[in-house]
Amino acid sequence: MIEINEFRNRREGKVTPSSLIEGLSERADPSEIETLVYVAKMRNGDINTAFSHALNSEHIGLLEIGKMQIIDSMRE
């Protein structure tokens, strides 16, 4: 059932978690990424975060920039 939903969502142009991960691994050169932060909500409701080694202020800054970009896209 998950594969059918994945296919349907991709056909409708929705960015799914799977397609986001695939896109990152295909297009991002790991040697070019300096700092990485991610937040994921699991099916059971748990929230997972992970981040590469950097200053905590950089992690917070990346999350704030991401938040601002999401808010800006909501205004469009």
N, C-alpha and C. Protein backbone atom coordinates (compact mmCIF):
# COMPACT_ATOMS: atom_id res chain seq x y z
N MET A 1 0.82 -1.20 0.00
CA MET A 1 0.00 0.00 0.00
C MET A 1 0.86 1.26 0.00
N ILE A 2 1.99 1.21 0.69
CA ILE A 2 2.86 2.38 0.73
C ILE A 2 3.39 2.71 -0.66
N GLU A 3 3.74 1.68 -1.46
CA GLU A 3 4.24 1.93 -2.80
C GLU A 3 3.19 2.59 -3.68
N ILE A 4 1.93 2.17 -3.55
CA ILE A 4 0.85 2.77 -4.34
C ILE A 4 0.68 4.24 -3.96
N ASN A 5 0.68 4.53 -2.67
CA ASN A 5 0.56 5.93 -2.22
C ASN A 5 1.75 6.75 -2.68
N GLU A 6 2.94 6.16 -2.64
CA GLU A 6 4.15 6.86 -3.10
C GLU A 6 4.03 7.18 -4.58
N PHE A 7 3.61 6.22 -5.38
CA PHE A 7 3.44 6.43 -6.81
C PHE A 7 2.42 7.52 -7.08
N ARG A 8 1.28 7.46 -6.40
CA ARG A 8 0.21 8.43 -6.60
C ARG A 8 0.69 9.84 -6.21
N ASN A 9 1.35 9.94 -5.07
CA ASN A 9 1.83 11.26 -4.63
C ASN A 9 2.86 11.83 -5.60
N ARG A 10 3.77 11.00 -6.08
CA ARG A 10 4.77 11.49 -7.03
C ARG A 10 4.11 11.91 -8.34
N ARG A 11 3.12 11.14 -8.80
CA ARG A 11 2.40 11.48 -10.03
C ARG A 11 1.71 12.84 -9.89
N GLU A 12 1.22 13.13 -8.68
CA GLU A 12 0.53 14.40 -8.43
C GLU A 12 1.51 15.54 -8.14
N GLY A 13 2.82 15.25 -8.20
CA GLY A 13 3.82 16.28 -8.00
C GLY A 13 4.13 16.59 -6.55
N LYS A 14 3.67 15.74 -5.64
CA LYS A 14 3.95 15.96 -4.22
C LYS A 14 5.34 15.44 -3.88
N VAL A 15 6.04 16.18 -3.04
CA VAL A 15 7.35 15.75 -2.57
C VAL A 15 7.14 14.86 -1.36
N THR A 16 7.47 13.59 -1.52
CA THR A 16 7.32 12.63 -0.43
C THR A 16 8.65 12.52 0.32
N PRO A 17 8.63 12.00 1.53
CA PRO A 17 9.90 11.78 2.23
C PRO A 17 10.88 10.94 1.41
N SER A 18 10.37 9.90 0.78
CA SER A 18 11.25 9.05 -0.03
C SER A 18 11.87 9.82 -1.19
N SER A 19 11.05 10.61 -1.89
CA SER A 19 11.59 11.35 -3.03
C SER A 19 12.55 12.44 -2.57
N LEU A 20 12.31 13.01 -1.41
CA LEU A 20 13.21 14.02 -0.87
C LEU A 20 14.57 13.41 -0.55
N ILE A 21 14.57 12.25 0.09
CA ILE A 21 15.82 11.57 0.43
C ILE A 21 16.55 11.14 -0.84
N GLU A 22 15.81 10.58 -1.81
CA GLU A 22 16.43 10.18 -3.07
C GLU A 22 17.05 11.37 -3.78
N GLY A 23 16.33 12.47 -3.83
CA GLY A 23 16.83 13.67 -4.49
C GLY A 23 18.08 14.21 -3.83
N LEU A 24 18.10 14.19 -2.53
CA LEU A 24 19.28 14.68 -1.81
C LEU A 24 20.48 13.79 -2.11
N SER A 25 20.29 12.49 -2.08
CA SER A 25 21.41 11.59 -2.31
C SER A 25 21.89 11.62 -3.76
N GLU A 26 20.99 11.93 -4.72
CA GLU A 26 21.38 11.98 -6.13
C GLU A 26 22.03 13.29 -6.52
N ARG A 27 21.56 14.40 -5.94
CA ARG A 27 22.01 15.71 -6.41
C ARG A 27 23.01 16.40 -5.50
N ALA A 28 23.08 16.00 -4.26
CA ALA A 28 23.96 16.70 -3.33
C ALA A 28 25.31 16.00 -3.27
N ASP A 29 26.36 16.75 -3.50
CA ASP A 29 27.71 16.22 -3.37
C ASP A 29 28.10 16.32 -1.90
N PRO A 30 28.28 15.19 -1.23
CA PRO A 30 28.58 15.23 0.21
C PRO A 30 29.80 16.09 0.55
N SER A 31 30.75 16.19 -0.36
CA SER A 31 31.94 17.01 -0.08
C SER A 31 31.61 18.50 -0.09
N GLU A 32 30.46 18.87 -0.64
CA GLU A 32 30.05 20.27 -0.69
C GLU A 32 29.18 20.67 0.49
N ILE A 33 28.66 19.71 1.24
CA ILE A 33 27.79 20.01 2.37
C ILE A 33 28.65 20.22 3.61
N GLU A 34 28.56 21.41 4.17
CA GLU A 34 29.35 21.75 5.36
C GLU A 34 28.65 21.35 6.65
N THR A 35 27.36 21.63 6.73
CA THR A 35 26.57 21.34 7.93
C THR A 35 25.21 20.83 7.49
N LEU A 36 24.70 19.83 8.21
CA LEU A 36 23.42 19.23 7.85
C LEU A 36 22.59 19.05 9.11
N VAL A 37 21.32 19.43 9.02
CA VAL A 37 20.36 19.26 10.11
C VAL A 37 19.09 18.68 9.51
N TYR A 38 18.49 17.72 10.20
CA TYR A 38 17.19 17.24 9.73
C TYR A 38 16.26 17.00 10.89
N VAL A 39 14.98 17.14 10.59
CA VAL A 39 13.90 16.86 11.54
C VAL A 39 12.92 15.95 10.81
N ALA A 40 12.54 14.85 11.45
CA ALA A 40 11.62 13.91 10.82
C ALA A 40 10.55 13.48 11.81
N LYS A 41 9.30 13.45 11.34
CA LYS A 41 8.21 12.92 12.15
C LYS A 41 7.97 11.50 11.69
N MET A 42 8.07 10.58 12.62
CA MET A 42 7.91 9.16 12.31
C MET A 42 6.42 8.81 12.30
N ARG A 43 6.09 7.68 11.69
CA ARG A 43 4.68 7.25 11.62
C ARG A 43 4.05 7.08 13.00
N ASN A 44 4.86 6.73 14.00
CA ASN A 44 4.31 6.55 15.35
C ASN A 44 4.19 7.87 16.11
N GLY A 45 4.53 8.99 15.45
CA GLY A 45 4.40 10.30 16.07
C GLY A 45 5.67 10.84 16.69
N ASP A 46 6.70 10.01 16.82
CA ASP A 46 7.97 10.48 17.38
C ASP A 46 8.62 11.49 16.44
N ILE A 47 9.31 12.45 17.01
CA ILE A 47 10.08 13.43 16.25
C ILE A 47 11.55 13.12 16.44
N ASN A 48 12.26 12.91 15.33
CA ASN A 48 13.69 12.64 15.37
C ASN A 48 14.44 13.82 14.77
N THR A 49 15.54 14.18 15.39
CA THR A 49 16.41 15.20 14.84
C THR A 49 17.83 14.64 14.83
N ALA A 50 18.60 15.10 13.89
CA ALA A 50 20.02 14.73 13.83
C ALA A 50 20.75 15.89 13.17
N PHE A 51 22.01 15.99 13.47
CA PHE A 51 22.80 17.08 12.91
C PHE A 51 24.26 16.70 12.88
N SER A 52 24.95 17.26 11.91
CA SER A 52 26.38 17.02 11.79
C SER A 52 27.12 17.88 12.82
N HIS A 53 28.39 17.63 12.93
CA HIS A 53 29.21 18.37 13.91
C HIS A 53 29.33 19.82 13.46
N ALA A 54 28.92 20.73 14.32
CA ALA A 54 29.03 22.17 14.09
C ALA A 54 28.63 22.85 15.38
N LEU A 55 28.68 24.15 15.38
CA LEU A 55 28.23 24.91 16.55
C LEU A 55 26.72 24.79 16.69
N ASN A 56 26.24 24.72 17.91
CA ASN A 56 24.79 24.66 18.13
C ASN A 56 24.09 25.87 17.54
N SER A 57 24.75 27.02 17.57
CA SER A 57 24.15 28.23 16.99
C SER A 57 23.96 28.08 15.48
N GLU A 58 24.85 27.35 14.81
CA GLU A 58 24.68 27.10 13.38
C GLU A 58 23.48 26.20 13.13
N HIS A 59 23.31 25.17 13.96
CA HIS A 59 22.16 24.28 13.82
C HIS A 59 20.86 25.06 13.99
N ILE A 60 20.79 25.88 15.01
CA ILE A 60 19.59 26.68 15.27
C ILE A 60 19.35 27.65 14.11
N GLY A 61 20.42 28.25 13.62
CA GLY A 61 20.30 29.17 12.49
C GLY A 61 19.75 28.49 11.25
N LEU A 62 20.23 27.28 10.96
CA LEU A 62 19.72 26.54 9.80
C LEU A 62 18.24 26.23 9.96
N LEU A 63 17.85 25.83 11.16
CA LEU A 63 16.44 25.54 11.40
C LEU A 63 15.59 26.80 11.27
N GLU A 64 16.08 27.92 11.75
CA GLU A 64 15.34 29.19 11.63
C GLU A 64 15.20 29.60 10.18
N ILE A 65 16.26 29.44 9.40
CA ILE A 65 16.17 29.77 7.97
C ILE A 65 15.15 28.88 7.29
N GLY A 66 15.18 27.60 7.61
CA GLY A 66 14.20 26.68 7.06
C GLY A 66 12.78 27.09 7.43
N LYS A 67 12.60 27.48 8.68
CA LYS A 67 11.28 27.93 9.14
C LYS A 67 10.83 29.16 8.36
N MET A 68 11.72 30.12 8.16
CA MET A 68 11.38 31.32 7.41
C MET A 68 11.03 31.00 5.97
N GLN A 69 11.74 30.05 5.35
CA GLN A 69 11.46 29.68 3.97
C GLN A 69 10.09 29.01 3.85
N ILE A 70 9.73 28.20 4.83
CA ILE A 70 8.41 27.57 4.82
C ILE A 70 7.32 28.62 4.96
N ILE A 71 7.51 29.56 5.89
CA ILE A 71 6.53 30.63 6.08
C ILE A 71 6.39 31.46 4.81
N ASP A 72 7.52 31.78 4.15
CA ASP A 72 7.46 32.54 2.91
C ASP A 72 6.69 31.78 1.83
N SER A 73 6.90 30.45 1.75
CA SER A 73 6.18 29.68 0.73
C SER A 73 4.69 29.62 1.02
N MET A 74 4.30 29.75 2.29
CA MET A 74 2.89 29.76 2.64
C MET A 74 2.22 31.06 2.19
N ARG A 75 2.98 32.12 2.08
CA ARG A 75 2.44 33.42 1.68
C ARG A 75 2.19 33.49 0.18
N GLU A 76 2.85 32.63 -0.57
CA GLU A 76 2.75 32.68 -2.05
C GLU A 76 1.43 32.13 -2.53
